[in-house]
PDB file of N, CA and C in Angstrom:
ATOM      1  N   UNK A   1      74.741 106.634  90.318  1.00  0.00           N
ATOM      2  CA  UNK A   1      74.724 107.727  91.275  1.00  0.00           C
ATOM      3  C   UNK A   1      75.459 108.926  90.682  1.00  0.00           C
ATOM      4  N   UNK A   2      74.853 110.075  90.753  1.00  0.00           N
ATOM      5  CA  UNK A   2      75.440 111.298  90.226  1.00  0.00           C
ATOM      6  C   UNK A   2      76.217 111.996  91.343  1.00  0.00           C
ATOM      7  N   UNK A   3      77.492 112.247  91.073  1.00  0.00           N
ATOM      8  CA  UNK A   3      78.347 112.912  92.059  1.00  0.00           C
ATOM      9  C   UNK A   3      78.356 114.413  91.816  1.00  0.00           C
ATOM     10  N   UNK A   4      78.478 115.202  92.883  1.00  0.00           N
ATOM     11  CA  UNK A   4      78.644 116.648  92.709  1.00  0.00           C
ATOM     12  C   UNK A   4      79.923 116.926  91.911  1.00  0.00           C
ATOM     13  N   UNK A   5      79.965 118.012  91.165  1.00  0.00           N
ATOM     14  CA  UNK A   5      81.127 118.311  90.324  1.00  0.00           C
ATOM     15  C   UNK A   5      82.456 118.333  91.084  1.00  0.00           C
ATOM     16  N   UNK A   6      82.459 118.834  92.318  1.00  0.00           N
ATOM     17  CA  UNK A   6      83.700 118.915  93.088  1.00  0.00           C
ATOM     18  C   UNK A   6      84.229 117.521  93.425  1.00  0.00           C
ATOM     19  N   UNK A   7      83.335 116.616  93.792  1.00  0.00           N
ATOM     20  CA  UNK A   7      83.727 115.249  94.137  1.00  0.00           C
ATOM     21  C   UNK A   7      84.199 114.519  92.888  1.00  0.00           C
ATOM     22  N   UNK A   8      83.503 114.689  91.799  1.00  0.00           N
ATOM     23  CA  UNK A   8      83.879 114.047  90.534  1.00  0.00           C
ATOM     24  C   UNK A   8      85.266 114.522  90.094  1.00  0.00           C
ATOM     25  N   UNK A   9      85.524 115.821  90.190  1.00  0.00           N
ATOM     26  CA  UNK A   9      86.823 116.371  89.807  1.00  0.00           C
ATOM     27  C   UNK A   9      87.938 115.828  90.702  1.00  0.00           C
ATOM     28  N   UNK A  10      87.696 115.768  92.004  1.00  0.00           N
ATOM     29  CA  UNK A  10      88.697 115.228  92.927  1.00  0.00           C
ATOM     30  C   UNK A  10      89.008 113.769  92.609  1.00  0.00           C
ATOM     31  N   UNK A  11      87.981 112.977  92.298  1.00  0.00           N
ATOM     32  CA  UNK A  11      88.188 111.573  91.954  1.00  0.00           C
ATOM     33  C   UNK A  11      88.998 111.441  90.661  1.00  0.00           C
ATOM     34  N   UNK A  12      88.716 112.291  89.685  1.00  0.00           N
ATOM     35  CA  UNK A  12      89.477 112.281  88.428  1.00  0.00           C
ATOM     36  C   UNK A  12      90.935 112.629  88.693  1.00  0.00           C
ATOM     37  N   UNK A  13      91.190 113.598  89.548  1.00  0.00           N
ATOM     38  CA  UNK A  13      92.563 113.977  89.887  1.00  0.00           C
ATOM     39  C   UNK A  13      93.299 112.824  90.553  1.00  0.00           C
ATOM     40  N   UNK A  14      92.639 112.118  91.488  1.00  0.00           N
ATOM     41  CA  UNK A  14      93.251 110.967  92.150  1.00  0.00           C
ATOM     42  C   UNK A  14      93.633 109.920  91.107  1.00  0.00           C
ATOM     43  N   UNK A  15      92.724 109.644  90.180  1.00  0.00           N
ATOM     44  CA  UNK A  15      92.975 108.654  89.132  1.00  0.00           C
ATOM     45  C   UNK A  15      94.145 109.059  88.233  1.00  0.00           C
ATOM     46  N   UNK A  16      94.422 110.359  88.135  1.00  0.00           N
ATOM     47  CA  UNK A  16      95.515 110.878  87.305  1.00  0.00           C
ATOM     48  C   UNK A  16      96.814 111.059  88.088  1.00  0.00           C
ATOM     49  N   UNK A  17      96.834 110.643  89.364  1.00  0.00           N
ATOM     50  CA  UNK A  17      98.033 110.794  90.185  1.00  0.00           C
ATOM     51  C   UNK A  17      98.245 112.215  90.670  1.00  0.00           C
ATOM     52  N   UNK A  18      97.144 112.927  90.881  1.00  0.00           N
ATOM     53  CA  UNK A  18      97.208 114.304  91.354  1.00  0.00           C
ATOM     54  C   UNK A  18      96.561 114.417  92.720  1.00  0.00           C
ATOM     55  N   UNK A  19      96.919 115.457  93.460  1.00  0.00           N
ATOM     56  CA  UNK A  19      96.331 115.714  94.779  1.00  0.00           C
ATOM     57  C   UNK A  19      94.838 116.019  94.600  1.00  0.00           C
ATOM     58  N   UNK A  20      93.960 115.350  95.367  1.00  0.00           N
ATOM     59  CA  UNK A  20      92.526 115.607  95.221  1.00  0.00           C
ATOM     60  C   UNK A  20      92.090 116.980  95.716  1.00  0.00           C
ATOM     61  N   UNK A  21      92.933 117.665  96.488  1.00  0.00           N
ATOM     62  CA  UNK A  21      92.575 118.977  97.022  1.00  0.00           C
ATOM     63  C   UNK A  21      92.999 120.126  96.107  1.00  0.00           C
ATOM     64  N   UNK A  22      94.213 120.004  95.524  1.00  0.00           N
ATOM     65  CA  UNK A  22      94.721 121.148  94.748  1.00  0.00           C
ATOM     66  C   UNK A  22      95.074 120.809  93.297  1.00  0.00           C
ATOM     67  N   UNK A  23      95.147 119.506  92.957  1.00  0.00           N
ATOM     68  CA  UNK A  23      95.447 119.111  91.588  1.00  0.00           C
ATOM     69  C   UNK A  23      96.927 119.015  91.265  1.00  0.00           C
ATOM     70  N   UNK A  24      97.796 119.260  92.244  1.00  0.00           N
ATOM     71  CA  UNK A  24      99.248 119.179  92.030  1.00  0.00           C
ATOM     72  C   UNK A  24      99.620 117.734  91.709  1.00  0.00           C
ATOM     73  N   UNK A  25     100.486 117.522  90.707  1.00  0.00           N
ATOM     74  CA  UNK A  25     100.905 116.162  90.353  1.00  0.00           C
ATOM     75  C   UNK A  25     101.761 115.593  91.476  1.00  0.00           C
ATOM     76  N   UNK A  26     101.332 114.444  92.026  1.00  0.00           N
ATOM     77  CA  UNK A  26     102.061 113.808  93.120  1.00  0.00           C
ATOM     78  C   UNK A  26     102.512 112.399  92.774  1.00  0.00           C
ATOM     79  N   UNK A  27     102.031 111.813  91.695  1.00  0.00           N
ATOM     80  CA  UNK A  27     102.385 110.451  91.346  1.00  0.00           C
ATOM     81  C   UNK A  27     101.596 109.456  92.181  1.00  0.00           C
ATOM     82  N   UNK A  28     101.991 108.183  92.088  1.00  0.00           N
ATOM     83  CA  UNK A  28     101.231 107.141  92.760  1.00  0.00           C
ATOM     84  C   UNK A  28     101.831 106.720  94.094  1.00  0.00           C
ATOM     85  N   UNK A  29     103.095 107.074  94.367  1.00  0.00           N
ATOM     86  CA  UNK A  29     103.759 106.628  95.590  1.00  0.00           C
ATOM     87  C   UNK A  29     103.847 107.693  96.675  1.00  0.00           C
ATOM     88  N   UNK A  30     103.338 108.882  96.416  1.00  0.00           N
ATOM     89  CA  UNK A  30     103.446 109.971  97.389  1.00  0.00           C
ATOM     90  C   UNK A  30     102.586 109.695  98.613  1.00  0.00           C
ATOM     91  N   UNK A  31     103.093 110.081  99.769  1.00  0.00           N
ATOM     92  CA  UNK A  31     102.333 109.963 101.009  1.00  0.00           C
ATOM     93  C   UNK A  31     101.696 111.287 101.402  1.00  0.00           C
ATOM     94  N   UNK A  32     102.236 112.377 100.850  1.00  0.00           N
ATOM     95  CA  UNK A  32     101.742 113.710 101.183  1.00  0.00           C
ATOM     96  C   UNK A  32     101.913 114.616  99.969  1.00  0.00           C
ATOM     97  N   UNK A  33     100.967 115.509  99.746  1.00  0.00           N
ATOM     98  CA  UNK A  33     101.083 116.477  98.658  1.00  0.00           C
ATOM     99  C   UNK A  33     102.127 117.521  99.044  1.00  0.00           C
ATOM    100  N   UNK A  34     103.198 117.684  98.243  1.00  0.00           N
ATOM    101  CA  UNK A  34     104.233 118.649  98.597  1.00  0.00           C
ATOM    102  C   UNK A  34     103.754 120.106  98.486  1.00  0.00           C
ATOM    103  N   UNK A  35     102.713 120.335  97.721  1.00  0.00           N
ATOM    104  CA  UNK A  35     102.214 121.692  97.526  1.00  0.00           C
ATOM    105  C   UNK A  35     101.174 122.075  98.580  1.00  0.00           C
ATOM    106  N   UNK A  36     100.248 121.163  98.868  1.00  0.00           N
ATOM    107  CA  UNK A  36      99.109 121.452  99.750  1.00  0.00           C
ATOM    108  C   UNK A  36      99.296 120.902 101.166  1.00  0.00           C
ATOM    109  N   UNK A  37     100.080 119.830 101.294  1.00  0.00           N
ATOM    110  CA  UNK A  37     100.318 119.229 102.601  1.00  0.00           C
ATOM    111  C   UNK A  37      99.304 118.166 103.000  1.00  0.00           C
ATOM    112  N   UNK A  38      98.393 117.821 102.108  1.00  0.00           N
ATOM    113  CA  UNK A  38      97.372 116.821 102.396  1.00  0.00           C
ATOM    114  C   UNK A  38      98.003 115.435 102.458  1.00  0.00           C
ATOM    115  N   UNK A  39      97.693 114.672 103.513  1.00  0.00           N
ATOM    116  CA  UNK A  39      98.153 113.289 103.602  1.00  0.00           C
ATOM    117  C   UNK A  39      97.349 112.447 102.619  1.00  0.00           C
ATOM    118  N   UNK A  40      98.061 111.700 101.778  1.00  0.00           N
ATOM    119  CA  UNK A  40      97.405 110.922 100.733  1.00  0.00           C
ATOM    120  C   UNK A  40      97.277 109.451 101.090  1.00  0.00           C
ATOM    121  N   UNK A  41      98.085 108.972 102.026  1.00  0.00           N
ATOM    122  CA  UNK A  41      98.055 107.583 102.459  1.00  0.00           C
ATOM    123  C   UNK A  41      98.006 107.566 103.979  1.00  0.00           C
ATOM    124  N   UNK A  42      97.128 106.756 104.507  1.00  0.00           N
ATOM    125  CA  UNK A  42      97.017 106.619 105.956  1.00  0.00           C
ATOM    126  C   UNK A  42      97.923 105.478 106.386  1.00  0.00           C
ATOM    127  N   UNK A  43      98.907 105.786 107.233  1.00  0.00           N
ATOM    128  CA  UNK A  43      99.789 104.750 107.741  1.00  0.00           C
ATOM    129  C   UNK A  43      99.171 104.163 108.986  1.00  0.00           C
ATOM    130  N   UNK A  44      99.072 102.840 109.004  1.00  0.00           N
ATOM    131  CA  UNK A  44      98.514 102.138 110.152  1.00  0.00           C
ATOM    132  C   UNK A  44      99.551 101.171 110.694  1.00  0.00           C
ATOM    133  N   UNK A  45      99.364 100.762 111.911  1.00  0.00           N
ATOM    134  CA  UNK A  45     100.244  99.788 112.514  1.00  0.00           C
ATOM    135  C   UNK A  45     100.205  98.501 111.702  1.00  0.00           C
ATOM    136  N   UNK A  46     101.367  98.021 111.280  1.00  0.00           N
ATOM    137  CA  UNK A  46     101.422  96.787 110.514  1.00  0.00           C
ATOM    138  C   UNK A  46     101.357  96.993 109.009  1.00  0.00           C
ATOM    139  N   UNK A  47     101.386  98.213 108.529  1.00  0.00           N
ATOM    140  CA  UNK A  47     101.385  98.441 107.094  1.00  0.00           C
ATOM    141  C   UNK A  47     100.639  99.693 106.708  1.00  0.00           C
ATOM    142  N   UNK A  48     100.478  99.862 105.432  1.00  0.00           N
ATOM    143  CA  UNK A  48      99.795 101.046 104.901  1.00  0.00           C
ATOM    144  C   UNK A  48      98.307 100.800 104.783  1.00  0.00           C
ATOM    145  N   UNK A  49      97.541 101.839 104.990  1.00  0.00           N
ATOM    146  CA  UNK A  49      96.099 101.755 104.860  1.00  0.00           C
ATOM    147  C   UNK A  49      95.667 101.997 103.421  1.00  0.00           C
ATOM    148  N   UNK A  50      94.400 102.080 103.229  1.00  0.00           N
ATOM    149  CA  UNK A  50      93.827 102.298 101.911  1.00  0.00           C
ATOM    150  C   UNK A  50      94.009 103.750 101.514  1.00  0.00           C
ATOM    151  N   UNK A  51      94.303 103.967 100.280  1.00  0.00           N
ATOM    152  CA  UNK A  51      94.494 105.312  99.773  1.00  0.00           C
ATOM    153  C   UNK A  51      93.190 105.992  99.561  1.00  0.00           C
TER     154      UNK A  51
END
């Protein structure tokens, strides 16, 4: 399946530990991008959701 360039770039950024919206380095444990404010992990009752 061929992904649009924007989606492919966002996925590459996630794989590199960067915010998928702005590319700011957030690491692997961040819950929110400090630069953009995007929530990176969904917290659910009983634990963390899928990233």
